Amino acid sequence: MDTQQRIPLTIITGFLGAGKTTLVNALLGHLPAKTGIVVNEFGRIDIDSILFGTAKENIRGIADGCACCSVLTDVADAILAMAFQGCQHIILETSGVADPAPIVATVLSTRELAERVVLRGIVCTVDARCGYDDITRRDTCRNQLRYADHVVLTKVDCVDDYTVADVEGLIGVIAPGASIHQSSYADVGETLASLLLYDQAPTLKHDDGPVATHDHLDDITSVSVRINQAVDRHAVSALITLLAATLGASLYRLKGVITLADDGSRIVVHGVHGMYGWESIAATPQGQQPSTTLVLIGCSLSAEHVHSALASAALLPESSIEVHQRSSASHVHA
């Protein structure tokens, strides 16, 4: 196939909590109905695939690993499956701790993928509130930016103009060739969406030879909590408060889908760097058991701390917890 016949692939990357899923949902309004989404979760439980506003058959969720290393083959297989499924565009949302380099190398060097898919571009989201610290402290953030064709600076409504200017200045140093676009809540119009999705093919910076091994996950742990019933909203509020207080700065990201016991409604909770919010989503599908799932991602998180918080919030008897640390591929059950 020539470039015009191959299926466009857009990679959405960005650090934990930078707004990748929100951006993908916004872009869906500017994409064909037959758009395939491959979403990679570092945590044991796949939450993000629940949040997309598209048909389930067009979504492939890959949890329990990172797209750039441990589940790279699974990601490649999922992209290929979407191509054979007849998708007109494919979006790959990487985990928040993924380095785009091995993913790009795989897409460009795997014959079956290269014959059917054309890498249209890499979009990196950066949280305006904590992006400066994330970029200066994390190699992963800098690598995500280095490979970006476009950068979407999210949540600019939450900070002042000086903060935005500082973050944009730092992005410009690390990714001088990338275009930078500000966004309050992934408010992408037709012009910006077209730029992010269909701009000229990526430059040769995406094909710069063998990819070195990397150790960006050595200190990052994910803790998955599943509660097999609807829960009291006050108990969940107490749990999140306890987790934030106990884990402090070591908790980078918290997200979950919660079924409330009082009316059966479901909410999505998001937390990044000590700031939390939630929104309503569709009720539990008929015939499916109500449940609550939470995923915490951070630096060397402890199963004991999460276990203690669940007990204090009176949620322990109905819950199961497992800790998943990618550096050792170990699973610890509490």
C-alpha atoms as a PDB file:
ATOM      1  CA  MET A   1       0.000   0.000   0.000  1.00  0.00           C
ATOM      2  CA  ASP A   2       1.152   3.544  -0.611  1.00  0.00           C
ATOM      3  CA  THR A   3       0.878   6.256   2.048  1.00  0.00           C
ATOM      4  CA  GLN A   4      -2.574   7.351   0.910  1.00  0.00           C
ATOM      5  CA  GLN A   5      -3.970   3.830   1.219  1.00  0.00           C
ATOM      6  CA  ARG A   6      -2.425   3.015   4.573  1.00  0.00           C
ATOM      7  CA  ILE A   7      -4.349   3.727   7.763  1.00  0.00           C
ATOM      8  CA  PRO A   8      -3.259   6.841   9.690  1.00  0.00           C
ATOM      9  CA  LEU A   9      -1.919   6.147  13.190  1.00  0.00           C
ATOM     10  CA  THR A  10      -1.743   8.914  15.770  1.00  0.00           C
ATOM     11  CA  ILE A  11       0.117   8.302  19.038  1.00  0.00           C
ATOM     12  CA  ILE A  12      -1.069  10.215  22.101  1.00  0.00           C
ATOM     13  CA  THR A  13       1.521  10.308  24.861  1.00  0.00           C
ATOM     14  CA  GLY A  14       2.086  12.344  28.023  1.00  0.00           C
ATOM     15  CA  PHE A  15       2.895  11.842  31.682  1.00  0.00           C
ATOM     16  CA  LEU A  16       0.464  10.548  34.306  1.00  0.00           C
ATOM     17  CA  GLY A  17      -2.650  12.700  34.586  1.00  0.00           C
ATOM     18  CA  ALA A  18      -1.780  15.050  31.726  1.00  0.00           C
ATOM     19  CA  GLY A  19      -5.168  14.648  30.025  1.00  0.00           C
ATOM     20  CA  LYS A  20      -4.524  12.025  27.338  1.00  0.00           C
ATOM     21  CA  THR A  21      -7.924  10.283  27.592  1.00  0.00           C
ATOM     22  CA  THR A  22      -9.779  13.617  27.684  1.00  0.00           C
ATOM     23  CA  LEU A  23      -7.955  14.701  24.533  1.00  0.00           C
ATOM     24  CA  VAL A  24      -8.713  11.426  22.727  1.00  0.00           C
ATOM     25  CA  ASN A  25     -12.412  11.774  23.547  1.00  0.00           C
ATOM     26  CA  ALA A  26     -12.386  15.313  22.163  1.00  0.00           C
ATOM     27  CA  LEU A  27     -10.631  14.202  18.975  1.00  0.00           C
ATOM     28  CA  LEU A  28     -13.185  11.448  18.394  1.00  0.00           C
ATOM     29  CA  GLY A  29     -15.674  14.116  17.348  1.00  0.00           C
ATOM     30  CA  HIS A  30     -13.381  14.953  14.426  1.00  0.00           C
ATOM     31  CA  LEU A  31     -12.628  11.379  13.358  1.00  0.00           C
ATOM     32  CA  PRO A  32     -14.460   8.768  11.253  1.00  0.00           C
ATOM     33  CA  ALA A  33     -16.992   6.603  13.100  1.00  0.00           C
ATOM     34  CA  LYS A  34     -14.777   3.600  12.370  1.00  0.00           C
ATOM     35  CA  THR A  35     -11.822   4.831  14.441  1.00  0.00           C
ATOM     36  CA  GLY A  36      -9.868   2.252  16.404  1.00  0.00           C
ATOM     37  CA  ILE A  37      -8.472   3.056  19.855  1.00  0.00           C
ATOM     38  CA  VAL A  38      -5.661   1.114  21.484  1.00  0.00           C
ATOM     39  CA  VAL A  39      -5.191   2.205  25.084  1.00  0.00           C
ATOM     40  CA  ASN A  40      -2.365   1.013  27.299  1.00  0.00           C
ATOM     41  CA  GLU A  41      -2.642   1.107  31.097  1.00  0.00           C
ATOM     42  CA  PHE A  42       0.333   0.650  33.390  1.00  0.00           C
ATOM     43  CA  GLY A  43      -2.005  -0.526  36.161  1.00  0.00           C
ATOM     44  CA  ARG A  44      -3.453  -4.005  36.579  1.00  0.00           C
ATOM     45  CA  ILE A  45      -7.038  -2.812  35.915  1.00  0.00           C
ATOM     46  CA  ASP A  46      -8.029  -1.221  32.606  1.00  0.00           C
ATOM     47  CA  ILE A  47     -10.080   1.885  33.459  1.00  0.00           C
ATOM     48  CA  ASP A  48      -9.443   4.236  30.544  1.00  0.00           C
ATOM     49  CA  SER A  49     -11.171   2.066  27.927  1.00  0.00           C
ATOM     50  CA  ILE A  50     -14.446   2.489  29.869  1.00  0.00           C
ATOM     51  CA  LEU A  51     -14.256   6.247  29.383  1.00  0.00           C
ATOM     52  CA  PHE A  52     -14.170   6.471  25.598  1.00  0.00           C
ATOM     53  CA  GLY A  53     -17.281   7.614  23.762  1.00  0.00           C
ATOM     54  CA  THR A  54     -17.130   5.057  20.978  1.00  0.00           C
ATOM     55  CA  ALA A  55     -18.277   1.501  20.239  1.00  0.00           C
ATOM     56  CA  LYS A  56     -16.658  -1.179  22.380  1.00  0.00           C
ATOM     57  CA  GLU A  57     -15.619  -3.239  19.362  1.00  0.00           C
ATOM     58  CA  ASN A  58     -13.388  -0.346  18.288  1.00  0.00           C
ATOM     59  CA  ILE A  59     -11.428  -0.288  21.568  1.00  0.00           C
ATOM     60  CA  ARG A  60      -8.572  -2.531  22.656  1.00  0.00           C
ATOM     61  CA  GLY A  61      -7.423  -2.089  26.257  1.00  0.00           C
ATOM     62  CA  ILE A  62      -3.975  -3.408  27.215  1.00  0.00           C
ATOM     63  CA  ALA A  63      -3.352  -3.313  30.956  1.00  0.00           C
ATOM     64  CA  ASP A  64      -0.691  -4.660  33.303  1.00  0.00           C
ATOM     65  CA  GLY A  65       2.346  -3.283  31.541  1.00  0.00           C
ATOM     66  CA  CYS A  66       3.974  -0.499  29.584  1.00  0.00           C
ATOM     67  CA  ALA A  67       3.569  -0.054  25.829  1.00  0.00           C
ATOM     68  CA  CYS A  68       7.248   0.634  25.296  1.00  0.00           C
ATOM     69  CA  CYS A  69       8.588  -2.532  26.913  1.00  0.00           C
ATOM     70  CA  SER A  70       6.670  -5.351  28.615  1.00  0.00           C
ATOM     71  CA  VAL A  71       3.548  -5.291  26.399  1.00  0.00           C
ATOM     72  CA  LEU A  72       5.050  -3.792  23.235  1.00  0.00           C
ATOM     73  CA  THR A  73       4.184  -6.912  21.225  1.00  0.00           C
ATOM     74  CA  ASP A  74       0.585  -6.815  22.485  1.00  0.00           C
ATOM     75  CA  VAL A  75       0.305  -3.174  21.405  1.00  0.00           C
ATOM     76  CA  ALA A  76       1.662  -3.950  17.949  1.00  0.00           C
ATOM     77  CA  ASP A  77      -0.769  -6.879  17.590  1.00  0.00           C
ATOM     78  CA  ALA A  78      -3.692  -4.667  18.665  1.00  0.00           C
ATOM     79  CA  ILE A  79      -2.811  -1.990  16.097  1.00  0.00           C
ATOM     80  CA  LEU A  80      -2.590  -4.646  13.392  1.00  0.00           C
ATOM     81  CA  ALA A  81      -5.943  -6.125  14.462  1.00  0.00           C
ATOM     82  CA  MET A  82      -7.545  -2.674  14.160  1.00  0.00           C
ATOM     83  CA  ALA A  83      -6.110  -2.385  10.644  1.00  0.00           C
ATOM     84  CA  PHE A  84      -7.547  -5.743   9.597  1.00  0.00           C
ATOM     85  CA  GLN A  85     -10.845  -4.738  11.230  1.00  0.00           C
ATOM     86  CA  GLY A  86     -11.203  -1.974   8.660  1.00  0.00           C
ATOM     87  CA  CYS A  87     -10.626   1.041  10.910  1.00  0.00           C
ATOM     88  CA  GLN A  88     -10.143   4.300   9.028  1.00  0.00           C
ATOM     89  CA  HIS A  89      -7.890   5.862  11.673  1.00  0.00           C
ATOM     90  CA  ILE A  90      -6.138   4.377  14.709  1.00  0.00           C
ATOM     91  CA  ILE A  91      -5.318   6.178  17.951  1.00  0.00           C
ATOM     92  CA  LEU A  92      -2.762   4.703  20.340  1.00  0.00           C
ATOM     93  CA  GLU A  93      -2.917   6.167  23.848  1.00  0.00           C
ATOM     94  CA  THR A  94       0.227   5.111  25.682  1.00  0.00           C
ATOM     95  CA  SER A  95       0.556   4.669  29.416  1.00  0.00           C
ATOM     96  CA  GLY A  96       1.728   7.744  31.298  1.00  0.00           C
ATOM     97  CA  VAL A  97       5.170   6.240  31.888  1.00  0.00           C
ATOM     98  CA  ALA A  98       5.847   5.053  28.325  1.00  0.00           C
ATOM     99  CA  ASP A  99       8.808   6.161  26.240  1.00  0.00           C
ATOM    100  CA  PRO A 100       7.582   6.661  22.642  1.00  0.00           C
ATOM    101  CA  ALA A 101      10.903   5.620  21.065  1.00  0.00           C
ATOM    102  CA  PRO A 102      10.461   1.800  21.126  1.00  0.00           C
ATOM    103  CA  ILE A 103       6.842   2.148  19.994  1.00  0.00           C
ATOM    104  CA  VAL A 104       7.798   4.305  17.009  1.00  0.00           C
ATOM    105  CA  ALA A 105      10.658   1.954  16.136  1.00  0.00           C
ATOM    106  CA  THR A 106       8.278  -1.017  16.170  1.00  0.00           C
ATOM    107  CA  VAL A 107       5.705   0.704  13.946  1.00  0.00           C
ATOM    108  CA  LEU A 108       8.353   1.738  11.419  1.00  0.00           C
ATOM    109  CA  SER A 109      10.350  -1.498  11.385  1.00  0.00           C
ATOM    110  CA  THR A 110       7.665  -4.200  11.618  1.00  0.00           C
ATOM    111  CA  ARG A 111       6.838  -5.171   8.057  1.00  0.00           C
ATOM    112  CA  GLU A 112       3.168  -6.060   8.586  1.00  0.00           C
ATOM    113  CA  LEU A 113       2.536  -2.792  10.431  1.00  0.00           C
ATOM    114  CA  ALA A 114       4.503  -0.656   7.992  1.00  0.00           C
ATOM    115  CA  GLU A 115       2.529  -2.107   5.087  1.00  0.00           C
ATOM    116  CA  ARG A 116      -0.861  -1.236   6.572  1.00  0.00           C
ATOM    117  CA  VAL A 117      -0.315   1.709   8.911  1.00  0.00           C
ATOM    118  CA  VAL A 118       1.339   5.088   8.435  1.00  0.00           C
ATOM    119  CA  LEU A 119       2.506   7.002  11.489  1.00  0.00           C
ATOM    120  CA  ARG A 120       0.800  10.345  11.074  1.00  0.00           C
ATOM    121  CA  GLY A 121       2.169  12.013  14.185  1.00  0.00           C
ATOM    122  CA  ILE A 122       2.858  12.016  17.909  1.00  0.00           C
ATOM    123  CA  VAL A 123       0.906  14.306  20.219  1.00  0.00           C
ATOM    124  CA  CYS A 124       2.169  14.862  23.767  1.00  0.00           C
ATOM    125  CA  THR A 125      -0.041  16.296  26.520  1.00  0.00           C
ATOM    126  CA  VAL A 126       1.515  18.314  29.341  1.00  0.00           C
ATOM    127  CA  ASP A 127      -0.320  19.406  32.498  1.00  0.00           C
ATOM    128  CA  ALA A 128       0.145  23.170  32.910  1.00  0.00           C
ATOM    129  CA  ARG A 129      -0.183  22.894  36.694  1.00  0.00           C
ATOM    130  CA  CYS A 130       2.673  20.469  37.334  1.00  0.00           C
ATOM    131  CA  GLY A 131       4.307  20.120  33.933  1.00  0.00           C
ATOM    132  CA  TYR A 132       7.371  22.189  34.794  1.00  0.00           C
ATOM    133  CA  ASP A 133       8.235  19.952  37.760  1.00  0.00           C
ATOM    134  CA  ASP A 134       7.420  16.771  35.854  1.00  0.00           C
ATOM    135  CA  ILE A 135       9.627  17.750  32.931  1.00  0.00           C
ATOM    136  CA  THR A 136      12.584  18.820  35.060  1.00  0.00           C
ATOM    137  CA  ARG A 137      12.442  15.743  37.310  1.00  0.00           C
ATOM    138  CA  ARG A 138      11.448  12.923  34.960  1.00  0.00           C
ATOM    139  CA  ASP A 139      13.441  11.518  32.029  1.00  0.00           C
ATOM    140  CA  THR A 140      10.218   9.925  30.773  1.00  0.00           C
ATOM    141  CA  CYS A 141       8.541  13.331  30.366  1.00  0.00           C
ATOM    142  CA  ARG A 142      11.479  14.701  28.438  1.00  0.00           C
ATOM    143  CA  ASN A 143      11.584  11.659  26.154  1.00  0.00           C
ATOM    144  CA  GLN A 144       7.854  12.000  25.454  1.00  0.00           C
ATOM    145  CA  LEU A 145       8.402  15.613  24.450  1.00  0.00           C
ATOM    146  CA  ARG A 146      11.469  14.910  22.296  1.00  0.00           C
ATOM    147  CA  TYR A 147       9.396  12.668  20.042  1.00  0.00           C
ATOM    148  CA  ALA A 148       6.375  14.969  19.842  1.00  0.00           C
ATOM    149  CA  ASP A 149       5.231  16.645  16.664  1.00  0.00           C
ATOM    150  CA  HIS A 150       2.623  18.583  18.633  1.00  0.00           C
ATOM    151  CA  VAL A 151       2.279  19.418  22.318  1.00  0.00           C
ATOM    152  CA  VAL A 152      -1.080  20.162  23.938  1.00  0.00           C
ATOM    153  CA  LEU A 153      -0.651  22.130  27.153  1.00  0.00           C
ATOM    154  CA  THR A 154      -3.704  21.150  29.188  1.00  0.00           C
ATOM    155  CA  LYS A 155      -5.509  22.770  32.139  1.00  0.00           C
ATOM    156  CA  VAL A 156      -4.223  26.255  31.326  1.00  0.00           C
ATOM    157  CA  ASP A 157      -7.342  27.655  32.986  1.00  0.00           C
ATOM    158  CA  CYS A 158      -5.986  26.421  36.334  1.00  0.00           C
ATOM    159  CA  VAL A 159      -2.789  28.512  36.296  1.00  0.00           C
ATOM    160  CA  ASP A 160      -1.704  32.078  35.576  1.00  0.00           C
ATOM    161  CA  ASP A 161      -0.090  33.354  32.397  1.00  0.00           C
ATOM    162  CA  TYR A 162       3.399  33.368  33.955  1.00  0.00           C
ATOM    163  CA  THR A 163       3.182  29.647  34.720  1.00  0.00           C
ATOM    164  CA  VAL A 164       1.999  28.897  31.190  1.00  0.00           C
ATOM    165  CA  ALA A 165       4.895  30.914  29.772  1.00  0.00           C
ATOM    166  CA  ASP A 166       7.420  29.071  31.968  1.00  0.00           C
ATOM    167  CA  VAL A 167       6.157  25.641  30.927  1.00  0.00           C
ATOM    168  CA  GLU A 168       5.992  26.603  27.244  1.00  0.00           C
ATOM    169  CA  GLY A 169       9.538  27.952  27.433  1.00  0.00           C
ATOM    170  CA  LEU A 170      10.799  24.673  28.867  1.00  0.00           C
ATOM    171  CA  ILE A 171       8.897  22.660  26.250  1.00  0.00           C
ATOM    172  CA  GLY A 172      10.454  24.831  23.537  1.00  0.00           C
ATOM    173  CA  VAL A 173      13.952  23.972  24.759  1.00  0.00           C
ATOM    174  CA  ILE A 174      13.327  20.209  24.812  1.00  0.00           C
ATOM    175  CA  ALA A 175      11.099  19.984  21.717  1.00  0.00           C
ATOM    176  CA  PRO A 176      12.061  22.963  19.546  1.00  0.00           C
ATOM    177  CA  GLY A 177      10.425  21.492  16.454  1.00  0.00           C
ATOM    178  CA  ALA A 178       7.042  20.776  18.047  1.00  0.00           C
ATOM    179  CA  SER A 179       4.025  23.060  17.797  1.00  0.00           C
ATOM    180  CA  ILE A 180       2.504  24.028  21.177  1.00  0.00           C
ATOM    181  CA  HIS A 181      -1.243  24.487  21.724  1.00  0.00           C
ATOM    182  CA  GLN A 182      -3.063  25.575  24.868  1.00  0.00           C
ATOM    183  CA  SER A 183      -6.194  23.814  26.102  1.00  0.00           C
ATOM    184  CA  SER A 184      -8.529  24.223  29.058  1.00  0.00           C
ATOM    185  CA  TYR A 185     -10.489  20.982  28.814  1.00  0.00           C
ATOM    186  CA  ALA A 186      -9.274  19.462  25.557  1.00  0.00           C
ATOM    187  CA  ASP A 187     -11.294  22.168  23.776  1.00  0.00           C
ATOM    188  CA  VAL A 188      -9.963  21.347  20.320  1.00  0.00           C
ATOM    189  CA  GLY A 189     -11.697  22.944  17.371  1.00  0.00           C
ATOM    190  CA  GLU A 190     -11.730  21.696  13.788  1.00  0.00           C
ATOM    191  CA  THR A 191      -8.507  23.472  12.841  1.00  0.00           C
ATOM    192  CA  LEU A 192      -6.474  22.174  15.779  1.00  0.00           C
ATOM    193  CA  ALA A 193      -7.930  18.662  15.503  1.00  0.00           C
ATOM    194  CA  SER A 194      -6.995  18.539  11.824  1.00  0.00           C
ATOM    195  CA  LEU A 195      -3.466  19.669  12.658  1.00  0.00           C
ATOM    196  CA  LEU A 196      -3.030  17.083  15.423  1.00  0.00           C
ATOM    197  CA  LEU A 197      -4.491  14.210  13.402  1.00  0.00           C
ATOM    198  CA  TYR A 198      -3.573  14.846   9.780  1.00  0.00           C
ATOM    199  CA  ASP A 199      -0.519  17.085   9.710  1.00  0.00           C
ATOM    200  CA  GLN A 200       2.395  16.106   7.484  1.00  0.00           C
ATOM    201  CA  ALA A 201       4.079  12.770   8.072  1.00  0.00           C
ATOM    202  CA  PRO A 202       6.544  12.631  10.968  1.00  0.00           C
ATOM    203  CA  THR A 203      10.099  13.721  10.291  1.00  0.00           C
ATOM    204  CA  LEU A 204      13.180  11.505  10.444  1.00  0.00           C
ATOM    205  CA  LYS A 205      13.618  12.242  14.142  1.00  0.00           C
ATOM    206  CA  HIS A 206      11.193   9.317  14.593  1.00  0.00           C
ATOM    207  CA  ASP A 207      13.544   6.912  12.869  1.00  0.00           C
ATOM    208  CA  ASP A 208      16.928   7.440  14.440  1.00  0.00           C
ATOM    209  CA  GLY A 209      18.257   3.897  14.716  1.00  0.00           C
ATOM    210  CA  PRO A 210      18.261   1.266  17.441  1.00  0.00           C
ATOM    211  CA  VAL A 211      16.495   2.115  20.676  1.00  0.00           C
ATOM    212  CA  ALA A 212      18.492   1.877  23.875  1.00  0.00           C
ATOM    213  CA  THR A 213      17.158  -0.021  26.843  1.00  0.00           C
ATOM    214  CA  HIS A 214      15.553   2.100  29.525  1.00  0.00           C
ATOM    215  CA  ASP A 215      14.816   1.861  33.220  1.00  0.00           C
ATOM    216  CA  HIS A 216      12.119   4.505  33.647  1.00  0.00           C
ATOM    217  CA  LEU A 217       9.840   2.188  35.621  1.00  0.00           C
ATOM    218  CA  ASP A 218      12.238   1.094  38.358  1.00  0.00           C
ATOM    219  CA  ASP A 219      10.627   3.158  41.116  1.00  0.00           C
ATOM    220  CA  ILE A 220       7.037   3.293  39.839  1.00  0.00           C
ATOM    221  CA  THR A 221       4.423   0.978  41.305  1.00  0.00           C
ATOM    222  CA  SER A 222       0.733   0.637  40.602  1.00  0.00           C
ATOM    223  CA  VAL A 223      -1.764  -0.527  43.208  1.00  0.00           C
ATOM    224  CA  SER A 224      -5.129  -1.793  41.977  1.00  0.00           C
ATOM    225  CA  VAL A 225      -8.180  -1.932  44.239  1.00  0.00           C
ATOM    226  CA  ARG A 226     -11.384  -3.704  43.291  1.00  0.00           C
ATOM    227  CA  ILE A 227     -14.496  -3.562  45.509  1.00  0.00           C
ATOM    228  CA  ASN A 228     -17.102  -6.037  44.344  1.00  0.00           C
ATOM    229  CA  GLN A 229     -20.193  -3.996  45.132  1.00  0.00           C
ATOM    230  CA  ALA A 230     -21.561  -0.463  45.108  1.00  0.00           C
ATOM    231  CA  VAL A 231     -20.099   1.682  47.888  1.00  0.00           C
ATOM    232  CA  ASP A 232     -21.143   4.517  50.150  1.00  0.00           C
ATOM    233  CA  ARG A 233     -20.031   7.877  48.747  1.00  0.00           C
ATOM    234  CA  HIS A 234     -18.839   9.049  52.178  1.00  0.00           C
ATOM    235  CA  ALA A 235     -16.664   5.939  52.574  1.00  0.00           C
ATOM    236  CA  VAL A 236     -15.057   6.556  49.176  1.00  0.00           C
ATOM    237  CA  SER A 237     -14.470  10.205  50.023  1.00  0.00           C
ATOM    238  CA  ALA A 238     -12.829   9.141  53.292  1.00  0.00           C
ATOM    239  CA  LEU A 239     -10.698   6.591  51.452  1.00  0.00           C
ATOM    240  CA  ILE A 240      -9.372   9.102  48.925  1.00  0.00           C
ATOM    241  CA  THR A 241      -8.643  11.616  51.683  1.00  0.00           C
ATOM    242  CA  LEU A 242      -6.746   8.974  53.651  1.00  0.00           C
ATOM    243  CA  LEU A 243      -4.765   7.823  50.629  1.00  0.00           C
ATOM    244  CA  ALA A 244      -3.792  11.396  49.727  1.00  0.00           C
ATOM    245  CA  ALA A 245      -2.707  12.113  53.312  1.00  0.00           C
ATOM    246  CA  THR A 246      -0.860   8.820  53.789  1.00  0.00           C
ATOM    247  CA  LEU A 247       0.936   8.601  50.460  1.00  0.00           C
ATOM    248  CA  GLY A 248       1.530  12.328  49.965  1.00  0.00           C
ATOM    249  CA  ALA A 249       3.914  13.306  47.176  1.00  0.00           C
ATOM    250  CA  SER A 250       4.669   9.658  46.366  1.00  0.00           C
ATOM    251  CA  LEU A 251       1.173   9.333  44.829  1.00  0.00           C
ATOM    252  CA  TYR A 252       1.435  10.638  41.264  1.00  0.00           C
ATOM    253  CA  ARG A 253      -1.918   9.518  39.898  1.00  0.00           C
ATOM    254  CA  LEU A 254      -5.229   8.153  41.154  1.00  0.00           C
ATOM    255  CA  LYS A 255      -8.136   7.203  38.907  1.00  0.00           C
ATOM    256  CA  GLY A 256     -11.159   5.021  39.281  1.00  0.00           C
ATOM    257  CA  VAL A 257     -14.719   4.160  38.381  1.00  0.00           C
ATOM    258  CA  ILE A 258     -17.018   4.151  41.427  1.00  0.00           C
ATOM    259  CA  THR A 259     -20.553   2.776  41.720  1.00  0.00           C
ATOM    260  CA  LEU A 260     -22.504   4.595  44.431  1.00  0.00           C
ATOM    261  CA  ALA A 261     -24.764   2.579  46.722  1.00  0.00           C
ATOM    262  CA  ASP A 262     -27.404   5.252  47.294  1.00  0.00           C
ATOM    263  CA  ASP A 263     -28.673   5.499  43.709  1.00  0.00           C
ATOM    264  CA  GLY A 264     -26.569   3.089  41.626  1.00  0.00           C
ATOM    265  CA  SER A 265     -24.970   5.902  39.637  1.00  0.00           C
ATOM    266  CA  ARG A 266     -21.321   5.775  38.585  1.00  0.00           C
ATOM    267  CA  ILE A 267     -18.645   8.439  38.800  1.00  0.00           C
ATOM    268  CA  VAL A 268     -15.098   8.692  37.534  1.00  0.00           C
ATOM    269  CA  VAL A 269     -12.557  10.081  39.978  1.00  0.00           C
ATOM    270  CA  HIS A 270      -9.261  11.622  38.870  1.00  0.00           C
ATOM    271  CA  GLY A 271      -6.367  12.717  41.048  1.00  0.00           C
ATOM    272  CA  VAL A 272      -3.040  14.255  40.062  1.00  0.00           C
ATOM    273  CA  HIS A 273      -0.450  15.608  42.468  1.00  0.00           C
ATOM    274  CA  GLY A 274      -2.909  16.063  45.349  1.00  0.00           C
ATOM    275  CA  MET A 275      -5.712  17.615  43.252  1.00  0.00           C
ATOM    276  CA  TYR A 276      -8.909  15.572  42.833  1.00  0.00           C
ATOM    277  CA  GLY A 277     -12.088  15.813  40.818  1.00  0.00           C
ATOM    278  CA  TRP A 278     -14.893  13.616  39.539  1.00  0.00           C
ATOM    279  CA  GLU A 279     -17.575  13.423  36.855  1.00  0.00           C
ATOM    280  CA  SER A 280     -20.667  11.310  36.226  1.00  0.00           C
ATOM    281  CA  ILE A 281     -20.747   8.547  33.613  1.00  0.00           C
ATOM    282  CA  ALA A 282     -23.362   6.042  32.433  1.00  0.00           C
ATOM    283  CA  ALA A 283     -24.781   3.611  35.006  1.00  0.00           C
ATOM    284  CA  THR A 284     -23.528   0.031  35.266  1.00  0.00           C
ATOM    285  CA  PRO A 285     -24.714  -1.912  32.188  1.00  0.00           C
ATOM    286  CA  GLN A 286     -27.705  -4.154  32.830  1.00  0.00           C
ATOM    287  CA  GLY A 287     -26.695  -7.642  33.916  1.00  0.00           C
ATOM    288  CA  GLN A 288     -23.243  -6.538  35.072  1.00  0.00           C
ATOM    289  CA  GLN A 289     -22.372  -6.679  38.767  1.00  0.00           C
ATOM    290  CA  PRO A 290     -21.866  -3.210  40.314  1.00  0.00           C
ATOM    291  CA  SER A 291     -18.277  -2.682  41.395  1.00  0.00           C
ATOM    292  CA  THR A 292     -15.730  -0.028  42.216  1.00  0.00           C
ATOM    293  CA  THR A 293     -12.177   0.020  40.892  1.00  0.00           C
ATOM    294  CA  LEU A 294      -9.304   2.311  41.773  1.00  0.00           C
ATOM    295  CA  VAL A 295      -5.786   2.457  40.354  1.00  0.00           C
ATOM    296  CA  LEU A 296      -3.009   4.289  42.162  1.00  0.00           C
ATOM    297  CA  ILE A 297       0.331   4.984  40.473  1.00  0.00           C
ATOM    298  CA  GLY A 298       3.290   6.428  42.282  1.00  0.00           C
ATOM    299  CA  CYS A 299       6.768   6.061  43.667  1.00  0.00           C
ATOM    300  CA  SER A 300       7.288   2.781  45.566  1.00  0.00           C
ATOM    301  CA  LEU A 301       3.702   2.625  46.805  1.00  0.00           C
ATOM    302  CA  SER A 302       3.084   0.319  49.741  1.00  0.00           C
ATOM    303  CA  ALA A 303       0.346  -2.320  49.847  1.00  0.00           C
ATOM    304  CA  GLU A 304       0.229  -1.906  53.614  1.00  0.00           C
ATOM    305  CA  HIS A 305      -0.650   1.789  53.379  1.00  0.00           C
ATOM    306  CA  VAL A 306      -3.511   1.098  50.965  1.00  0.00           C
ATOM    307  CA  HIS A 307      -4.684  -1.836  53.089  1.00  0.00           C
ATOM    308  CA  SER A 308      -4.752   0.411  56.172  1.00  0.00           C
ATOM    309  CA  ALA A 309      -6.695   3.155  54.365  1.00  0.00           C
ATOM    310  CA  LEU A 310      -9.312   0.644  53.190  1.00  0.00           C
ATOM    311  CA  ALA A 311      -9.722  -0.645  56.732  1.00  0.00           C
ATOM    312  CA  SER A 312     -10.090   2.870  58.139  1.00  0.00           C
ATOM    313  CA  ALA A 313     -12.735   3.687  55.530  1.00  0.00           C
ATOM    314  CA  ALA A 314     -14.634   0.473  56.427  1.00  0.00           C
ATOM    315  CA  LEU A 315     -14.168  -0.902  52.896  1.00  0.00           C
ATOM    316  CA  LEU A 316     -11.678  -3.692  53.600  1.00  0.00           C
ATOM    317  CA  PRO A 317     -13.934  -6.782  53.845  1.00  0.00           C
ATOM    318  CA  GLU A 318     -15.287  -6.434  50.298  1.00  0.00           C
ATOM    319  CA  SER A 319     -12.057  -5.478  48.569  1.00  0.00           C
ATOM    320  CA  SER A 320      -9.091  -7.162  46.961  1.00  0.00           C
ATOM    321  CA  ILE A 321      -5.786  -5.416  46.456  1.00  0.00           C
ATOM    322  CA  GLU A 322      -2.737  -6.270  44.436  1.00  0.00           C
ATOM    323  CA  VAL A 323       0.493  -4.395  43.941  1.00  0.00           C
ATOM    324  CA  HIS A 324       2.198  -4.554  40.575  1.00  0.00           C
ATOM    325  CA  GLN A 325       5.779  -3.327  40.202  1.00  0.00           C
ATOM    326  CA  ARG A 326       7.073  -3.392  36.673  1.00  0.00           C
ATOM    327  CA  SER A 327      10.801  -3.385  37.493  1.00  0.00           C
ATOM    328  CA  SER A 328      10.541  -6.832  39.034  1.00  0.00           C
ATOM    329  CA  ALA A 329       7.233  -7.943  37.430  1.00  0.00           C
ATOM    330  CA  SER A 330       6.103  -8.993  40.911  1.00  0.00           C
ATOM    331  CA  HIS A 331       2.569  -9.184  42.233  1.00  0.00           C
ATOM    332  CA  VAL A 332       1.907  -8.821  45.927  1.00  0.00           C
ATOM    333  CA  HIS A 333      -1.604  -9.643  47.190  1.00  0.00           C
ATOM    334  CA  ALA A 334      -3.045  -8.224  50.405  1.00  0.00           C
END
